[in-house]
C-alpha atoms as a PDB file:
ATOM      1  CA  UNK A   1     175.235-220.510  73.965  1.00  0.00           C
ATOM      2  CA  UNK A   2     177.778-218.032  75.250  1.00  0.00           C
ATOM      3  CA  UNK A   3     179.563-215.785  72.752  1.00  0.00           C
ATOM      4  CA  UNK A   4     183.222-216.171  71.926  1.00  0.00           C
ATOM      5  CA  UNK A   5     185.023-213.137  71.021  1.00  0.00           C
ATOM      6  CA  UNK A   6     186.220-214.950  69.199  1.00  0.00           C
ATOM      7  CA  UNK A   7     206.697-207.502  43.251  1.00  0.00           C
ATOM      8  CA  UNK A   8     208.623-205.719  41.046  1.00  0.00           C
ATOM      9  CA  UNK A   9     209.130-207.585  37.683  1.00  0.00           C
ATOM     10  CA  UNK A  10     212.457-208.513  36.008  1.00  0.00           C
ATOM     11  CA  UNK A  11     212.846-205.707  33.469  1.00  0.00           C
ATOM     12  CA  UNK A  12     214.217-205.382  30.011  1.00  0.00           C
ATOM     13  CA  UNK A  13     214.513-201.924  28.503  1.00  0.00           C
ATOM     14  CA  UNK A  14     210.917-200.619  28.759  1.00  0.00           C
ATOM     15  CA  UNK A  15     209.006-199.250  25.795  1.00  0.00           C
ATOM     16  CA  UNK A  16     206.480-196.419  26.053  1.00  0.00           C
ATOM     17  CA  UNK A  17     203.595-198.891  25.756  1.00  0.00           C
ATOM     18  CA  UNK A  18     205.018-201.184  28.444  1.00  0.00           C
ATOM     19  CA  UNK A  19     205.413-198.206  30.787  1.00  0.00           C
ATOM     20  CA  UNK A  20     201.768-197.270  30.297  1.00  0.00           C
ATOM     21  CA  UNK A  21     200.764-200.871  30.997  1.00  0.00           C
ATOM     22  CA  UNK A  22     202.909-200.954  34.128  1.00  0.00           C
ATOM     23  CA  UNK A  23     201.392-197.700  35.342  1.00  0.00           C
ATOM     24  CA  UNK A  24     197.941-199.169  34.907  1.00  0.00           C
ATOM     25  CA  UNK A  25     198.561-202.580  36.461  1.00  0.00           C
ATOM     26  CA  UNK A  26     201.045-201.966  39.275  1.00  0.00           C
ATOM     27  CA  UNK A  27     198.724-200.091  41.660  1.00  0.00           C
ATOM     28  CA  UNK A  28     196.061-202.801  41.417  1.00  0.00           C
ATOM     29  CA  UNK A  29     198.236-205.797  42.123  1.00  0.00           C
ATOM     30  CA  UNK A  30     200.262-203.993  44.788  1.00  0.00           C
ATOM     31  CA  UNK A  31     197.125-203.096  46.719  1.00  0.00           C
ATOM     32  CA  UNK A  32     195.247-206.347  46.220  1.00  0.00           C
ATOM     33  CA  UNK A  33     197.456-208.328  48.556  1.00  0.00           C
ATOM     34  CA  UNK A  34     196.660-205.878  51.350  1.00  0.00           C
ATOM     35  CA  UNK A  35     192.911-206.317  51.086  1.00  0.00           C
ATOM     36  CA  UNK A  36     191.881-208.974  53.595  1.00  0.00           C
ATOM     37  CA  UNK A  37     189.099-209.159  56.161  1.00  0.00           C
ATOM     38  CA  UNK A  38     190.364-206.906  58.919  1.00  0.00           C
ATOM     39  CA  UNK A  39     188.208-208.622  61.524  1.00  0.00           C
ATOM     40  CA  UNK A  40     190.723-211.477  61.693  1.00  0.00           C
ATOM     41  CA  UNK A  41     192.535-211.170  65.008  1.00  0.00           C
ATOM     42  CA  UNK A  42     195.959-211.720  63.477  1.00  0.00           C
ATOM     43  CA  UNK A  43     196.545-210.853  59.843  1.00  0.00           C
ATOM     44  CA  UNK A  44     199.181-211.671  57.250  1.00  0.00           C
ATOM     45  CA  UNK A  45     199.354-208.803  54.755  1.00  0.00           C
ATOM     46  CA  UNK A  46     202.158-208.804  52.172  1.00  0.00           C
ATOM     47  CA  UNK A  47     203.018-205.681  50.148  1.00  0.00           C
ATOM     48  CA  UNK A  48     201.908-203.335  52.919  1.00  0.00           C
ATOM     49  CA  UNK A  49     204.771-200.970  52.070  1.00  0.00           C
ATOM     50  CA  UNK A  50     204.814-201.239  48.283  1.00  0.00           C
ATOM     51  CA  UNK A  51     205.441-198.214  46.077  1.00  0.00           C
ATOM     52  CA  UNK A  52     202.166-196.645  44.890  1.00  0.00           C
ATOM     53  CA  UNK A  53     201.636-193.502  42.768  1.00  0.00           C
ATOM     54  CA  UNK A  54     200.610-190.446  44.793  1.00  0.00           C
ATOM     55  CA  UNK A  55     197.292-188.626  44.339  1.00  0.00           C
ATOM     56  CA  UNK A  56     195.550-191.919  43.514  1.00  0.00           C
ATOM     57  CA  UNK A  57     192.355-193.481  44.895  1.00  0.00           C
ATOM     58  CA  UNK A  58     191.946-197.230  45.455  1.00  0.00           C
ATOM     59  CA  UNK A  59     188.695-199.055  46.135  1.00  0.00           C
ATOM     60  CA  UNK A  60     188.450-202.731  46.973  1.00  0.00           C
ATOM     61  CA  UNK A  61     186.002-205.342  48.140  1.00  0.00           C
ATOM     62  CA  UNK A  62     186.634-208.775  49.648  1.00  0.00           C
ATOM     63  CA  UNK A  63     184.693-211.822  50.770  1.00  0.00           C
ATOM     64  CA  UNK A  64     186.045-214.348  53.269  1.00  0.00           C
ATOM     65  CA  UNK A  65     184.782-217.631  54.608  1.00  0.00           C
ATOM     66  CA  UNK A  66     186.208-218.754  57.952  1.00  0.00           C
ATOM     67  CA  UNK A  67     185.649-221.948  59.876  1.00  0.00           C
ATOM     68  CA  UNK A  68     187.377-223.232  62.974  1.00  0.00           C
ATOM     69  CA  UNK A  69     187.442-224.894  66.370  1.00  0.00           C
ATOM     70  CA  UNK A  70     187.407-222.831  69.551  1.00  0.00           C
ATOM     71  CA  UNK A  71     188.588-223.786  73.035  1.00  0.00           C
ATOM     72  CA  UNK A  72     187.236-221.852  76.044  1.00  0.00           C
ATOM     73  CA  UNK A  73     188.247-221.382  79.631  1.00  0.00           C
ATOM     74  CA  UNK A  74     186.784-224.446  81.447  1.00  0.00           C
ATOM     75  CA  UNK A  75     184.939-222.132  83.858  1.00  0.00           C
ATOM     76  CA  UNK A  76     182.591-221.183  80.989  1.00  0.00           C
ATOM     77  CA  UNK A  77     181.504-224.823  80.613  1.00  0.00           C
ATOM     78  CA  UNK A  78     181.578-224.675  76.799  1.00  0.00           C
ATOM     79  CA  UNK A  79     182.885-227.719  74.929  1.00  0.00           C
ATOM     80  CA  UNK A  80     183.385-228.817  71.286  1.00  0.00           C
ATOM     81  CA  UNK A  81     182.763-225.299  70.003  1.00  0.00           C
ATOM     82  CA  UNK A  82     182.982-224.629  66.262  1.00  0.00           C
ATOM     83  CA  UNK A  83     182.249-221.598  64.099  1.00  0.00           C
ATOM     84  CA  UNK A  84     181.438-220.668  60.493  1.00  0.00           C
ATOM     85  CA  UNK A  85     181.867-217.005  59.592  1.00  0.00           C
ATOM     86  CA  UNK A  86     181.100-215.029  56.420  1.00  0.00           C
ATOM     87  CA  UNK A  87     182.780-211.625  56.088  1.00  0.00           C
ATOM     88  CA  UNK A  88     182.338-208.873  53.494  1.00  0.00           C
ATOM     89  CA  UNK A  89     184.815-205.954  53.581  1.00  0.00           C
ATOM     90  CA  UNK A  90     185.063-202.635  51.724  1.00  0.00           C
ATOM     91  CA  UNK A  91     188.360-200.737  51.731  1.00  0.00           C
ATOM     92  CA  UNK A  92     189.342-197.286  50.436  1.00  0.00           C
ATOM     93  CA  UNK A  93     192.891-195.890  50.228  1.00  0.00           C
ATOM     94  CA  UNK A  94     194.130-192.437  49.182  1.00  0.00           C
ATOM     95  CA  UNK A  95     197.827-191.896  48.445  1.00  0.00           C
ATOM     96  CA  UNK A  96     199.564-188.532  48.808  1.00  0.00           C
ATOM     97  CA  UNK A  97     202.916-186.827  49.362  1.00  0.00           C
ATOM     98  CA  UNK A  98     203.980-185.961  52.905  1.00  0.00           C
ATOM     99  CA  UNK A  99     207.272-184.167  53.587  1.00  0.00           C
ATOM    100  CA  UNK A 100     208.696-185.484  50.301  1.00  0.00           C
ATOM    101  CA  UNK A 101     207.644-189.033  51.204  1.00  0.00           C
ATOM    102  CA  UNK A 102     205.035-191.406  49.790  1.00  0.00           C
ATOM    103  CA  UNK A 103     202.142-191.777  52.207  1.00  0.00           C
ATOM    104  CA  UNK A 104     198.667-193.264  52.289  1.00  0.00           C
ATOM    105  CA  UNK A 105     195.594-193.336  54.475  1.00  0.00           C
ATOM    106  CA  UNK A 106     192.915-196.000  54.322  1.00  0.00           C
ATOM    107  CA  UNK A 107     189.565-196.937  55.803  1.00  0.00           C
ATOM    108  CA  UNK A 108     188.171-200.472  55.978  1.00  0.00           C
ATOM    109  CA  UNK A 109     184.814-201.615  57.301  1.00  0.00           C
ATOM    110  CA  UNK A 110     182.830-204.814  57.020  1.00  0.00           C
ATOM    111  CA  UNK A 111     179.730-206.885  57.654  1.00  0.00           C
ATOM    112  CA  UNK A 112     179.658-210.404  59.096  1.00  0.00           C
ATOM    113  CA  UNK A 113     177.298-213.327  59.502  1.00  0.00           C
ATOM    114  CA  UNK A 114     178.424-216.061  61.868  1.00  0.00           C
ATOM    115  CA  UNK A 115     177.188-219.274  63.445  1.00  0.00           C
ATOM    116  CA  UNK A 116     178.678-220.880  66.565  1.00  0.00           C
ATOM    117  CA  UNK A 117     177.737-224.295  67.920  1.00  0.00           C
ATOM    118  CA  UNK A 118     178.906-226.622  70.687  1.00  0.00           C
ATOM    119  CA  UNK A 119     177.869-227.975  74.062  1.00  0.00           C
ATOM    120  CA  UNK A 120     177.001-225.852  77.086  1.00  0.00           C
ATOM    121  CA  UNK A 121     176.760-227.713  80.401  1.00  0.00           C
ATOM    122  CA  UNK A 122     176.696-230.921  78.358  1.00  0.00           C
ATOM    123  CA  UNK A 123     173.717-229.920  76.210  1.00  0.00           C
ATOM    124  CA  UNK A 124     173.788-228.837  72.534  1.00  0.00           C
ATOM    125  CA  UNK A 125     173.725-225.065  72.068  1.00  0.00           C
ATOM    126  CA  UNK A 126     174.248-222.573  69.257  1.00  0.00           C
ATOM    127  CA  UNK A 127     174.319-218.846  68.493  1.00  0.00           C
ATOM    128  CA  UNK A 128     174.002-216.742  65.341  1.00  0.00           C
ATOM    129  CA  UNK A 129     175.211-213.180  64.852  1.00  0.00           C
ATOM    130  CA  UNK A 130     174.775-210.694  61.981  1.00  0.00           C
ATOM    131  CA  UNK A 131     176.040-207.126  61.859  1.00  0.00           C
ATOM    132  CA  UNK A 132     178.837-204.641  61.300  1.00  0.00           C
ATOM    133  CA  UNK A 133     182.460-205.314  62.219  1.00  0.00           C
ATOM    134  CA  UNK A 134     184.872-202.883  63.826  1.00  0.00           C
ATOM    135  CA  UNK A 135     186.273-200.362  61.332  1.00  0.00           C
ATOM    136  CA  UNK A 136     189.996-199.741  60.791  1.00  0.00           C
ATOM    137  CA  UNK A 137     191.787-196.509  59.854  1.00  0.00           C
ATOM    138  CA  UNK A 138     195.438-196.918  58.793  1.00  0.00           C
ATOM    139  CA  UNK A 139     198.060-194.268  58.020  1.00  0.00           C
ATOM    140  CA  UNK A 140     201.379-195.343  56.501  1.00  0.00           C
ATOM    141  CA  UNK A 141     204.468-193.532  55.194  1.00  0.00           C
ATOM    142  CA  UNK A 142     207.561-194.852  53.418  1.00  0.00           C
ATOM    143  CA  UNK A 143     210.588-193.645  55.385  1.00  0.00           C
ATOM    144  CA  UNK A 144     213.170-194.878  52.878  1.00  0.00           C
ATOM    145  CA  UNK A 145     212.792-195.609  49.170  1.00  0.00           C
ATOM    146  CA  UNK A 146     209.612-195.380  47.079  1.00  0.00           C
ATOM    147  CA  UNK A 147     209.788-191.657  46.152  1.00  0.00           C
ATOM    148  CA  UNK A 148     206.502-189.731  45.757  1.00  0.00           C
ATOM    149  CA  UNK A 149     205.797-189.922  42.018  1.00  0.00           C
ATOM    150  CA  UNK A 150     202.779-190.033  39.760  1.00  0.00           C
ATOM    151  CA  UNK A 151     201.848-190.471  36.104  1.00  0.00           C
ATOM    152  CA  UNK A 152     204.695-190.965  33.637  1.00  0.00           C
ATOM    153  CA  UNK A 153     207.353-190.328  36.305  1.00  0.00           C
ATOM    154  CA  UNK A 154     205.998-193.175  38.422  1.00  0.00           C
ATOM    155  CA  UNK A 155     205.752-195.513  35.403  1.00  0.00           C
ATOM    156  CA  UNK A 156     209.329-194.732  34.304  1.00  0.00           C
ATOM    157  CA  UNK A 157     210.708-195.271  37.825  1.00  0.00           C
ATOM    158  CA  UNK A 158     208.937-198.611  38.276  1.00  0.00           C
ATOM    159  CA  UNK A 159     210.008-199.823  34.824  1.00  0.00           C
ATOM    160  CA  UNK A 160     213.672-198.939  35.472  1.00  0.00           C
ATOM    161  CA  UNK A 161     213.884-200.217  39.068  1.00  0.00           C
ATOM    162  CA  UNK A 162     215.121-203.780  39.323  1.00  0.00           C
ATOM    163  CA  UNK A 163     216.457-203.921  42.884  1.00  0.00           C
ATOM    164  CA  UNK A 164     215.229-201.735  45.731  1.00  0.00           C
ATOM    165  CA  UNK A 165     214.757-201.514  49.497  1.00  0.00           C
ATOM    166  CA  UNK A 166     211.813-199.793  51.182  1.00  0.00           C
ATOM    167  CA  UNK A 167     211.339-199.018  54.879  1.00  0.00           C
ATOM    168  CA  UNK A 168     207.903-197.973  56.096  1.00  0.00           C
ATOM    169  CA  UNK A 169     206.047-197.104  59.294  1.00  0.00           C
ATOM    170  CA  UNK A 170     202.318-197.204  59.962  1.00  0.00           C
ATOM    171  CA  UNK A 171     199.712-196.628  62.635  1.00  0.00           C
ATOM    172  CA  UNK A 172     196.344-198.388  62.498  1.00  0.00           C
ATOM    173  CA  UNK A 173     193.374-197.626  64.728  1.00  0.00           C
ATOM    174  CA  UNK A 174     190.552-200.135  65.206  1.00  0.00           C
ATOM    175  CA  UNK A 175     187.299-198.339  66.043  1.00  0.00           C
ATOM    176  CA  UNK A 176     184.503-199.959  68.132  1.00  0.00           C
ATOM    177  CA  UNK A 177     181.875-199.660  65.387  1.00  0.00           C
ATOM    178  CA  UNK A 178     180.989-203.355  65.322  1.00  0.00           C
ATOM    179  CA  UNK A 179     177.828-204.952  66.617  1.00  0.00           C
ATOM    180  CA  UNK A 180     178.163-205.519  70.376  1.00  0.00           C
ATOM    181  CA  UNK A 181     175.792-206.726  73.086  1.00  0.00           C
ATOM    182  CA  UNK A 182     177.114-206.566  76.621  1.00  0.00           C
ATOM    183  CA  UNK A 183     174.923-209.459  77.787  1.00  0.00           C
ATOM    184  CA  UNK A 184     176.423-211.797  75.153  1.00  0.00           C
ATOM    185  CA  UNK A 185     179.808-213.512  75.223  1.00  0.00           C
ATOM    186  CA  UNK A 186     179.906-213.852  71.418  1.00  0.00           C
ATOM    187  CA  UNK A 187     180.041-210.549  69.561  1.00  0.00           C
ATOM    188  CA  UNK A 188     181.167-209.269  66.168  1.00  0.00           C
ATOM    189  CA  UNK A 189     182.570-206.034  67.671  1.00  0.00           C
ATOM    190  CA  UNK A 190     185.076-205.754  70.520  1.00  0.00           C
ATOM    191  CA  UNK A 191     183.699-202.618  72.228  1.00  0.00           C
ATOM    192  CA  UNK A 192     187.172-201.108  72.628  1.00  0.00           C
ATOM    193  CA  UNK A 193     189.852-199.275  70.701  1.00  0.00           C
ATOM    194  CA  UNK A 194     192.984-200.977  69.403  1.00  0.00           C
ATOM    195  CA  UNK A 195     196.118-199.083  68.339  1.00  0.00           C
ATOM    196  CA  UNK A 196     198.632-200.887  66.108  1.00  0.00           C
ATOM    197  CA  UNK A 197     202.021-199.279  65.365  1.00  0.00           C
ATOM    198  CA  UNK A 198     203.983-201.135  62.665  1.00  0.00           C
ATOM    199  CA  UNK A 199     207.432-201.066  61.065  1.00  0.00           C
ATOM    200  CA  UNK A 200     208.231-202.868  57.824  1.00  0.00           C
ATOM    201  CA  UNK A 201     211.193-203.544  55.542  1.00  0.00           C
ATOM    202  CA  UNK A 202     210.901-204.701  51.921  1.00  0.00           C
ATOM    203  CA  UNK A 203     213.723-205.774  49.602  1.00  0.00           C
ATOM    204  CA  UNK A 204     213.139-206.587  45.928  1.00  0.00           C
ATOM    205  CA  UNK A 205     215.706-208.334  43.741  1.00  0.00           C
ATOM    206  CA  UNK A 206     214.601-209.042  40.191  1.00  0.00           C
ATOM    207  CA  UNK A 207     211.380-211.063  40.416  1.00  0.00           C
ATOM    208  CA  UNK A 208     211.669-211.873  44.141  1.00  0.00           C
ATOM    209  CA  UNK A 209     210.449-209.684  46.991  1.00  0.00           C
ATOM    210  CA  UNK A 210     211.197-210.303  50.674  1.00  0.00           C
ATOM    211  CA  UNK A 211     209.214-208.442  53.326  1.00  0.00           C
ATOM    212  CA  UNK A 212     209.237-208.360  57.145  1.00  0.00           C
ATOM    213  CA  UNK A 213     206.771-206.462  59.356  1.00  0.00           C
ATOM    214  CA  UNK A 214     206.747-206.139  63.127  1.00  0.00           C
ATOM    215  CA  UNK A 215     203.960-204.637  65.193  1.00  0.00           C
ATOM    216  CA  UNK A 216     202.122-204.500  68.482  1.00  0.00           C
ATOM    217  CA  UNK A 217     198.385-204.508  69.290  1.00  0.00           C
ATOM    218  CA  UNK A 218     197.523-202.130  72.170  1.00  0.00           C
ATOM    219  CA  UNK A 219     193.905-202.300  73.340  1.00  0.00           C
ATOM    220  CA  UNK A 220     191.854-200.229  75.757  1.00  0.00           C
ATOM    221  CA  UNK A 221     189.727-201.891  78.414  1.00  0.00           C
ATOM    222  CA  UNK A 222     186.182-203.097  77.821  1.00  0.00           C
ATOM    223  CA  UNK A 223     184.151-201.975  80.833  1.00  0.00           C
ATOM    224  CA  UNK A 224     180.971-203.550  79.400  1.00  0.00           C
ATOM    225  CA  UNK A 225     182.288-207.065  79.073  1.00  0.00           C
ATOM    226  CA  UNK A 226     180.000-210.075  79.490  1.00  0.00           C
ATOM    227  CA  UNK A 227     177.641-209.813  82.486  1.00  0.00           C
ATOM    228  CA  UNK A 228     178.966-206.430  83.648  1.00  0.00           C
ATOM    229  CA  UNK A 229     182.626-207.401  83.973  1.00  0.00           C
ATOM    230  CA  UNK A 230     185.703-205.396  82.932  1.00  0.00           C
ATOM    231  CA  UNK A 231     188.128-206.953  80.459  1.00  0.00           C
ATOM    232  CA  UNK A 232     191.732-205.834  79.923  1.00  0.00           C
ATOM    233  CA  UNK A 233     194.450-207.359  77.742  1.00  0.00           C
ATOM    234  CA  UNK A 234     198.230-207.200  77.621  1.00  0.00           C
ATOM    235  CA  UNK A 235     199.845-206.112  74.329  1.00  0.00           C
ATOM    236  CA  UNK A 236     200.017-208.648  71.494  1.00  0.00           C
ATOM    237  CA  UNK A 237     203.408-208.603  69.734  1.00  0.00           C
ATOM    238  CA  UNK A 238     203.432-209.781  66.114  1.00  0.00           C
ATOM    239  CA  UNK A 239     206.027-210.536  63.452  1.00  0.00           C
ATOM    240  CA  UNK A 240     205.272-211.565  59.876  1.00  0.00           C
ATOM    241  CA  UNK A 241     207.387-212.429  56.842  1.00  0.00           C
ATOM    242  CA  UNK A 242     206.476-212.717  53.168  1.00  0.00           C
ATOM    243  CA  UNK A 243     208.118-214.159  50.069  1.00  0.00           C
ATOM    244  CA  UNK A 244     206.626-212.893  46.798  1.00  0.00           C
ATOM    245  CA  UNK A 245     207.380-213.917  43.226  1.00  0.00           C
ATOM    246  CA  UNK A 246     206.193-211.746  40.315  1.00  0.00           C
ATOM    247  CA  UNK A 247     205.744-213.389  36.916  1.00  0.00           C
ATOM    248  CA  UNK A 248     204.734-210.087  35.277  1.00  0.00           C
ATOM    249  CA  UNK A 249     202.874-206.961  36.414  1.00  0.00           C
ATOM    250  CA  UNK A 250     199.629-208.088  38.015  1.00  0.00           C
ATOM    251  CA  UNK A 251     200.488-211.797  38.039  1.00  0.00           C
ATOM    252  CA  UNK A 252     202.154-212.914  41.260  1.00  0.00           C
ATOM    253  CA  UNK A 253     202.132-215.471  44.070  1.00  0.00           C
ATOM    254  CA  UNK A 254     203.222-215.275  47.717  1.00  0.00           C
ATOM    255  CA  UNK A 255     203.835-217.394  50.801  1.00  0.00           C
ATOM    256  CA  UNK A 256     203.641-215.881  54.293  1.00  0.00           C
ATOM    257  CA  UNK A 257     204.235-216.876  57.898  1.00  0.00           C
ATOM    258  CA  UNK A 258     203.647-214.966  61.127  1.00  0.00           C
ATOM    259  CA  UNK A 259     203.662-215.270  64.897  1.00  0.00           C
ATOM    260  CA  UNK A 260     201.879-213.491  67.731  1.00  0.00           C
ATOM    261  CA  UNK A 261     202.756-213.593  71.444  1.00  0.00           C
ATOM    262  CA  UNK A 262     201.022-211.948  74.402  1.00  0.00           C
ATOM    263  CA  UNK A 263     197.468-210.623  74.888  1.00  0.00           C
ATOM    264  CA  UNK A 264     196.927-212.271  78.262  1.00  0.00           C
ATOM    265  CA  UNK A 265     193.523-211.286  79.641  1.00  0.00           C
ATOM    266  CA  UNK A 266     192.568-209.770  82.966  1.00  0.00           C
ATOM    267  CA  UNK A 267     188.926-209.820  84.127  1.00  0.00           C
ATOM    268  CA  UNK A 268     188.041-207.522  87.045  1.00  0.00           C
ATOM    269  CA  UNK A 269     191.734-207.304  87.934  1.00  0.00           C
ATOM    270  CA  UNK A 270     192.237-211.088  87.994  1.00  0.00           C
ATOM    271  CA  UNK A 271     194.775-212.414  85.493  1.00  0.00           C
ATOM    272  CA  UNK A 272     193.733-215.337  83.284  1.00  0.00           C
ATOM    273  CA  UNK A 273     196.028-218.116  82.130  1.00  0.00           C
ATOM    274  CA  UNK A 274     195.359-217.407  78.449  1.00  0.00           C
ATOM    275  CA  UNK A 275     198.573-215.892  77.048  1.00  0.00           C
ATOM    276  CA  UNK A 276     198.451-216.249  73.255  1.00  0.00           C
ATOM    277  CA  UNK A 277     201.091-218.026  71.209  1.00  0.00           C
ATOM    278  CA  UNK A 278     199.719-217.935  67.668  1.00  0.00           C
ATOM    279  CA  UNK A 279     201.228-219.201  64.434  1.00  0.00           C
ATOM    280  CA  UNK A 280     199.742-218.009  61.126  1.00  0.00           C
ATOM    281  CA  UNK A 281     200.524-218.957  57.549  1.00  0.00           C
ATOM    282  CA  UNK A 282     199.106-217.922  54.187  1.00  0.00           C
ATOM    283  CA  UNK A 283     199.278-218.494  50.443  1.00  0.00           C
ATOM    284  CA  UNK A 284     198.037-215.986  47.866  1.00  0.00           C
ATOM    285  CA  UNK A 285     197.728-215.585  44.098  1.00  0.00           C
ATOM    286  CA  UNK A 286     196.986-212.393  42.147  1.00  0.00           C
ATOM    287  CA  UNK A 287     195.788-211.963  38.571  1.00  0.00           C
ATOM    288  CA  UNK A 288     194.995-208.819  36.511  1.00  0.00           C
ATOM    289  CA  UNK A 289     191.509-208.841  34.977  1.00  0.00           C
ATOM    290  CA  UNK A 290     192.118-205.551  33.148  1.00  0.00           C
ATOM    291  CA  UNK A 291     194.394-202.501  33.280  1.00  0.00           C
ATOM    292  CA  UNK A 292     192.547-201.130  36.322  1.00  0.00           C
ATOM    293  CA  UNK A 293     191.017-204.221  37.900  1.00  0.00           C
ATOM    294  CA  UNK A 294     192.708-207.111  39.677  1.00  0.00           C
ATOM    295  CA  UNK A 295     191.628-210.182  41.619  1.00  0.00           C
ATOM    296  CA  UNK A 296     193.319-212.055  44.457  1.00  0.00           C
ATOM    297  CA  UNK A 297     192.589-215.433  46.021  1.00  0.00           C
ATOM    298  CA  UNK A 298     194.259-216.476  49.274  1.00  0.00           C
ATOM    299  CA  UNK A 299     194.217-218.931  52.159  1.00  0.00           C
ATOM    300  CA  UNK A 300     194.999-218.009  55.778  1.00  0.00           C
ATOM    301  CA  UNK A 301     195.450-220.461  58.652  1.00  0.00           C
ATOM    302  CA  UNK A 302     195.877-219.537  62.336  1.00  0.00           C
ATOM    303  CA  UNK A 303     196.787-221.965  65.119  1.00  0.00           C
ATOM    304  CA  UNK A 304     196.975-221.225  68.866  1.00  0.00           C
ATOM    305  CA  UNK A 305     199.466-223.172  70.947  1.00  0.00           C
ATOM    306  CA  UNK A 306     197.749-222.962  74.384  1.00  0.00           C
ATOM    307  CA  UNK A 307     194.697-225.085  75.148  1.00  0.00           C
ATOM    308  CA  UNK A 308     192.519-221.958  75.255  1.00  0.00           C
ATOM    309  CA  UNK A 309     192.369-220.469  71.788  1.00  0.00           C
ATOM    310  CA  UNK A 310     191.338-221.065  68.204  1.00  0.00           C
ATOM    311  CA  UNK A 311     192.272-222.986  65.079  1.00  0.00           C
ATOM    312  CA  UNK A 312     190.825-221.270  62.025  1.00  0.00           C
ATOM    313  CA  UNK A 313     191.053-221.570  58.252  1.00  0.00           C
ATOM    314  CA  UNK A 314     190.016-218.687  55.987  1.00  0.00           C
ATOM    315  CA  UNK A 315     189.526-218.466  52.225  1.00  0.00           C
ATOM    316  CA  UNK A 316     189.546-214.926  50.770  1.00  0.00           C
ATOM    317  CA  UNK A 317     188.628-213.490  47.360  1.00  0.00           C
ATOM    318  CA  UNK A 318     189.298-209.777  46.730  1.00  0.00           C
ATOM    319  CA  UNK A 319     188.817-207.274  43.891  1.00  0.00           C
ATOM    320  CA  UNK A 320     190.526-203.878  43.623  1.00  0.00           C
ATOM    321  CA  UNK A 321     190.327-200.949  41.217  1.00  0.00           C
ATOM    322  CA  UNK A 322     191.860-197.454  41.159  1.00  0.00           C
ATOM    323  CA  UNK A 323     191.548-194.024  39.555  1.00  0.00           C
END
């Protein structure tokens, strides 16, 4: 078979012990919501701009199970295509101070095992892939709010801050490190670079946090596309919003919705009628296992409006620690 590429709590006056607890828990639950399998074409990531203490290391791991239906260009003669995908991701983040601002840089990489099945020229067909995914490097800086603090200063600021607004900017680079075979249509890697500038705004009021992030996916061409062809894609413009409710530090829930428009393909200079109009939605729940360890469970659904596209459902479990 051919390959398809395919919140800040409501505070009373904090005690010294509660500040220490907040210092221990806040980094874990703030980061957890950002740890999701980065191989997903369109992501919904709440708390991307949250206040973290500087000079801190974060390490996380996540597992995701994805299944879905895939519709291809009729010229490929593939029908009734489905997929089941297992993804394991490791992510590391280092926070630091940059020009009196809070900043962070992170690296995420993963491994996938996937199975695709359907009908090719009317006959049953299937394909299995195992290997590395494309890696992602992301740099982010808070332009407004979230001062660069650490230790007791960070704990005291978080404990005393009830309402706040944060504005952040980021640049993510997807590297072509994933498994790729130019004679296959289905691959785990994309064999091209993707640059993603982002801008986000977060507003917290008592237990509620509202967040909006806009971005664009800019990809280079793939001159080793299936059967020696050259693939190019228009930019994909994305917008996502998140509503987060914090019960207490480390215990939270969120609901998210996003949209993506663009990414029309061009093969050997010929435009395809495959402009994307994606809708994504997600639910997540975070829980602190200890002062330095947290767990998150989430669901992500993506639906494509055009006839050529995908409908996928993903379940994600993630763990994060820090030091």
